[in-house]
């Protein structure tokens, strides 16, 4: 299991993912689930993944191969696509193709593989967009009414986002919101774990504005977690029936 979250705000986007994967209680590993593609000043794309590693890693690898092809064009390469909508279509088609291919190989064992992705980015002259790609390749887009998208183990971290995140939320507060959303998830589900990857994309910058790896034992994250716990306990005691 995993947890990834992306926020689309007036000032830009904030993305956060964990890195834990497991195939049983005694087989826990760490794999990066956030991947970025940049032509600074021209376009920036970030992809976060959840689900079967065999599907997500193959999908990312094939997207990279398509970028490097000599005859790559706007129909095959996410770095040449004319719009972010086309980027979402390319990623969705690749994800669906890989998932079907892996499923066919696993049918003999009566197993299946599935994955989903969040795609975020902007090209020069275009608007920032944030998409959730389903295993079948179709997708939905973040809007002003729902300016965030989640994949993986999302239920524990959703309440704070529902209450706090609005399009006008600042990037600083957005970073706090996604980290506290992740903290709630870490406390409630052992299948989500450190380290964490976070990045910020400022509107119209067309590049990664800030990138941060948060390791287990990070003092700043620990202090934020403890402060949030105290605030919740204090709030609880002050509420009267």
Protein backbone atom coordinates (compact mmCIF):
# COMPACT_ATOMS: atom_id res chain seq x y z
CA UNK A 1 0.00 0.00 0.00
CA UNK A 2 1.02 3.61 -0.34
CA UNK A 3 -0.25 7.15 0.07
CA UNK A 4 0.25 9.98 -2.40
CA UNK A 5 -1.48 13.37 -2.43
CA UNK A 6 -1.41 16.34 -4.78
CA UNK A 7 -2.80 19.85 -4.24
CA UNK A 8 -3.69 22.31 -7.01
CA UNK A 9 -3.73 25.88 -5.69
CA UNK A 10 -3.76 29.42 -7.00
CA UNK A 11 -0.04 29.78 -6.17
CA UNK A 12 1.03 26.39 -7.52
CA UNK A 13 1.05 22.70 -6.63
CA UNK A 14 2.30 20.64 -3.69
CA UNK A 15 2.91 16.89 -4.04
CA UNK A 16 3.79 14.32 -1.38
CA UNK A 17 4.36 10.56 -1.48
CA UNK A 18 5.59 7.86 0.86
CA UNK A 19 8.03 5.15 -0.24
CA UNK A 20 6.92 1.95 1.49
CA UNK A 21 5.97 -1.19 -0.41
CA UNK A 22 5.25 -4.59 1.03
CA UNK A 23 4.51 -8.10 -0.16
CA UNK A 24 3.69 -9.46 3.27
CA UNK A 25 4.48 -8.60 6.86
CA UNK A 26 8.09 -9.78 6.53
CA UNK A 27 8.85 -8.30 3.11
CA UNK A 28 8.88 -4.51 3.37
CA UNK A 29 10.95 -2.38 0.99
CA UNK A 30 11.46 1.24 0.03
CA UNK A 31 10.86 2.46 -3.52
CA UNK A 32 10.48 5.97 -4.85
CA UNK A 33 6.93 6.70 -5.98
CA UNK A 34 7.39 10.27 -7.22
CA UNK A 35 8.98 10.88 -10.62
CA UNK A 36 9.67 14.27 -12.20
CA UNK A 37 10.33 15.34 -15.78
CA UNK A 38 11.54 18.85 -16.56
CA UNK A 39 12.53 21.24 -19.28
CA UNK A 40 13.05 24.20 -16.94
CA UNK A 41 11.14 27.24 -18.13
CA UNK A 42 9.31 25.19 -20.77
CA UNK A 43 7.45 22.45 -18.93
CA UNK A 44 7.41 20.38 -15.76
CA UNK A 45 5.61 17.10 -15.09
CA UNK A 46 5.41 15.08 -11.89
CA UNK A 47 3.97 11.57 -11.63
CA UNK A 48 3.15 9.75 -8.39
CA UNK A 49 2.31 6.05 -8.37
CA UNK A 50 0.35 3.58 -6.23
CA UNK A 51 -0.30 -0.11 -6.68
CA UNK A 52 1.61 -3.01 -8.16
CA UNK A 53 5.30 -2.23 -8.57
CA UNK A 54 5.47 -4.43 -11.66
CA UNK A 55 2.89 -2.16 -13.29
CA UNK A 56 4.10 1.23 -12.07
CA UNK A 57 7.80 0.65 -12.68
CA UNK A 58 7.20 -0.70 -16.17
CA UNK A 59 4.90 2.20 -16.99
CA UNK A 60 7.45 4.81 -15.85
CA UNK A 61 10.26 3.00 -17.71
CA UNK A 62 8.27 2.97 -20.95
CA UNK A 63 7.33 6.62 -20.58
CA UNK A 64 11.06 7.41 -20.24
CA UNK A 65 11.87 5.26 -23.29
CA UNK A 66 9.25 7.11 -25.31
CA UNK A 67 10.87 10.44 -24.37
CA UNK A 68 14.26 9.20 -25.58
CA UNK A 69 13.05 7.79 -28.90
CA UNK A 70 14.57 9.68 -31.88
CA UNK A 71 11.16 9.96 -33.53
CA UNK A 72 9.32 10.98 -30.36
CA UNK A 73 6.44 13.37 -30.95
CA UNK A 74 3.44 14.90 -29.24
CA UNK A 75 1.51 11.65 -29.51
CA UNK A 76 4.08 9.49 -27.72
CA UNK A 77 6.29 11.68 -25.49
CA UNK A 78 5.03 13.49 -22.41
CA UNK A 79 7.76 16.09 -22.92
CA UNK A 80 6.49 16.90 -26.42
CA UNK A 81 2.74 16.70 -25.76
CA UNK A 82 1.02 19.99 -26.68
CA UNK A 83 -1.13 20.12 -23.52
CA UNK A 84 -1.29 18.62 -20.04
CA UNK A 85 -4.50 16.93 -21.12
CA UNK A 86 -2.51 15.10 -23.78
CA UNK A 87 0.09 14.18 -21.13
CA UNK A 88 -2.68 12.59 -19.06
CA UNK A 89 -3.89 10.68 -22.12
CA UNK A 90 -0.40 9.35 -22.89
CA UNK A 91 0.15 8.26 -19.28
CA UNK A 92 -3.32 6.72 -19.09
CA UNK A 93 -2.87 4.76 -22.30
CA UNK A 94 0.53 3.49 -21.18
CA UNK A 95 -0.75 2.50 -17.75
CA UNK A 96 -3.72 0.63 -19.20
CA UNK A 97 -1.50 -1.16 -21.73
CA UNK A 98 1.02 -2.28 -19.11
CA UNK A 99 -1.68 -3.35 -16.67
CA UNK A 100 -3.38 -5.50 -19.32
CA UNK A 101 -0.05 -7.05 -20.29
CA UNK A 102 0.85 -7.90 -16.69
CA UNK A 103 -2.64 -9.22 -15.99
CA UNK A 104 -2.39 -11.64 -18.90
CA UNK A 105 0.84 -13.06 -17.47
CA UNK A 106 -0.70 -13.43 -14.01
CA UNK A 107 -3.97 -15.04 -15.10
CA UNK A 108 -2.48 -18.52 -14.81
CA UNK A 109 -1.97 -17.90 -11.08
CA UNK A 110 -5.46 -16.40 -10.75
CA UNK A 111 -3.95 -13.12 -9.67
CA UNK A 112 -4.21 -9.61 -11.02
CA UNK A 113 -2.20 -6.39 -10.84
CA UNK A 114 -3.49 -2.88 -10.65
CA UNK A 115 -2.11 0.63 -10.25
CA UNK A 116 -3.15 4.27 -10.31
CA UNK A 117 -1.24 7.50 -10.79
CA UNK A 118 -1.41 11.22 -10.12
CA UNK A 119 -0.10 13.41 -12.94
CA UNK A 120 0.65 17.08 -12.29
CA UNK A 121 2.35 19.79 -14.28
CA UNK A 122 2.35 22.80 -16.53
CA UNK A 123 3.76 23.79 -19.90
CA UNK A 124 4.80 27.32 -20.80
CA UNK A 125 1.73 29.31 -21.80
CA UNK A 126 -0.65 26.72 -20.38
CA UNK A 127 -2.41 26.32 -17.06
CA UNK A 128 -1.40 24.07 -14.19
CA UNK A 129 -3.40 20.82 -14.15
CA UNK A 130 -3.68 17.85 -11.82
CA UNK A 131 -5.09 14.45 -12.88
CA UNK A 132 -5.83 11.12 -11.23
CA UNK A 133 -5.26 8.25 -13.67
CA UNK A 134 -7.26 5.08 -13.01
CA UNK A 135 -5.96 1.55 -13.77
CA UNK A 136 -8.11 1.42 -16.90
CA UNK A 137 -6.42 4.55 -18.26
CA UNK A 138 -9.33 6.95 -17.80
CA UNK A 139 -8.87 9.94 -15.52
CA UNK A 140 -10.43 12.77 -13.55
CA UNK A 141 -9.09 16.28 -12.91
CA UNK A 142 -8.79 18.41 -9.78
CA UNK A 143 -11.08 21.44 -9.73
CA UNK A 144 -11.68 24.53 -7.62
CA UNK A 145 -14.35 22.60 -5.71
CA UNK A 146 -11.95 19.69 -5.04
CA UNK A 147 -8.41 21.09 -5.33
CA UNK A 148 -6.65 17.89 -4.24
CA UNK A 149 -6.33 14.29 -5.40
CA UNK A 150 -5.20 11.19 -3.50
CA UNK A 151 -4.19 7.63 -4.37
CA UNK A 152 -3.46 4.64 -2.20
CA UNK A 153 -4.42 4.59 1.49
CA UNK A 154 -6.19 7.94 1.41
CA UNK A 155 -8.99 7.74 3.97
CA UNK A 156 -6.96 8.65 7.07
CA UNK A 157 -5.42 11.75 5.54
CA UNK A 158 -8.52 13.11 3.82
CA UNK A 159 -10.33 14.84 6.74
CA UNK A 160 -7.71 17.55 7.26
CA UNK A 161 -7.57 18.25 3.52
CA UNK A 162 -11.37 18.59 3.37
CA UNK A 163 -11.33 21.08 6.23
CA UNK A 164 -8.22 23.12 5.37
CA UNK A 165 -7.35 23.10 1.67
CA UNK A 166 -8.86 25.73 -0.61
CA UNK A 167 -7.57 27.15 -3.93
CA UNK A 168 -6.39 30.26 -2.08
CA UNK A 169 -4.37 28.24 0.47
CA UNK A 170 -0.73 29.39 0.45
CA UNK A 171 2.05 27.03 -0.62
CA UNK A 172 3.49 27.17 2.90
CA UNK A 173 0.19 26.14 4.47
CA UNK A 174 -0.30 23.53 1.74
CA UNK A 175 2.99 21.87 2.66
CA UNK A 176 1.85 21.78 6.28
CA UNK A 177 -1.51 20.30 5.24
CA UNK A 178 -0.07 17.45 3.17
CA UNK A 179 2.51 16.60 5.85
CA UNK A 180 -0.16 16.43 8.55
CA UNK A 181 -2.34 14.41 6.19
CA UNK A 182 0.55 11.98 5.78
CA UNK A 183 1.20 11.96 9.53
CA UNK A 184 -2.39 10.86 10.17
CA UNK A 185 -1.95 8.08 7.63
CA UNK A 186 1.38 6.94 9.07
CA UNK A 187 -0.18 6.65 12.52
CA UNK A 188 -3.16 4.61 11.33
CA UNK A 189 -1.70 2.30 8.69
CA UNK A 190 1.63 0.48 8.92
CA UNK A 191 1.65 -0.21 5.18
CA UNK A 192 2.51 3.48 4.60
CA UNK A 193 5.99 4.52 5.72
CA UNK A 194 8.99 6.82 5.60
CA UNK A 195 10.93 8.28 3.95
CA UNK A 196 8.69 10.82 2.23
CA UNK A 197 9.20 12.74 -1.00
CA UNK A 198 7.73 16.22 -1.37
CA UNK A 199 7.96 18.74 -4.17
CA UNK A 200 6.52 22.18 -4.84
CA UNK A 201 5.82 23.62 -8.29
CA UNK A 202 5.15 27.36 -8.34
CA UNK A 203 2.63 28.62 -10.85
CA UNK A 204 4.20 29.57 -14.22
CA UNK A 205 7.72 28.59 -13.06
CA UNK A 206 7.61 25.45 -15.24
CA UNK A 207 10.18 23.76 -13.01
CA UNK A 208 10.42 22.07 -9.63
CA UNK A 209 10.62 24.97 -7.19
CA UNK A 210 11.39 22.88 -4.11
CA UNK A 211 12.25 19.23 -3.59
CA UNK A 212 12.60 17.56 -0.16
CA UNK A 213 13.28 14.02 1.09
CA UNK A 214 12.05 13.51 4.66
CA UNK A 215 13.78 10.61 6.37
CA UNK A 216 12.62 8.66 9.39
CA UNK A 217 13.65 10.61 12.47
CA UNK A 218 13.47 14.00 10.73
CA UNK A 219 13.32 16.49 13.62
CA UNK A 220 11.14 19.05 11.85
CA UNK A 221 8.56 16.43 10.86
CA UNK A 222 8.59 14.91 14.37
CA UNK A 223 8.02 18.32 15.97
CA UNK A 224 5.13 19.03 13.59
CA UNK A 225 3.58 15.64 14.38
CA UNK A 226 3.82 16.18 18.13
CA UNK A 227 2.41 19.71 17.88
CA UNK A 228 -0.54 18.42 15.84
CA UNK A 229 -1.22 15.69 18.42
CA UNK A 230 -1.21 18.26 21.23
CA UNK A 231 -3.52 20.57 19.28
CA UNK A 232 -6.00 17.73 18.70
CA UNK A 233 -5.95 16.70 22.36
CA UNK A 234 -6.40 20.29 23.51
CA UNK A 235 -9.24 20.84 21.05
CA UNK A 236 -10.94 17.65 22.18
CA UNK A 237 -10.87 18.61 25.86
CA UNK A 238 -12.33 22.06 25.12
CA UNK A 239 -15.40 20.74 23.29
CA UNK A 240 -18.49 20.52 25.50
CA UNK A 241 -21.37 18.11 24.96
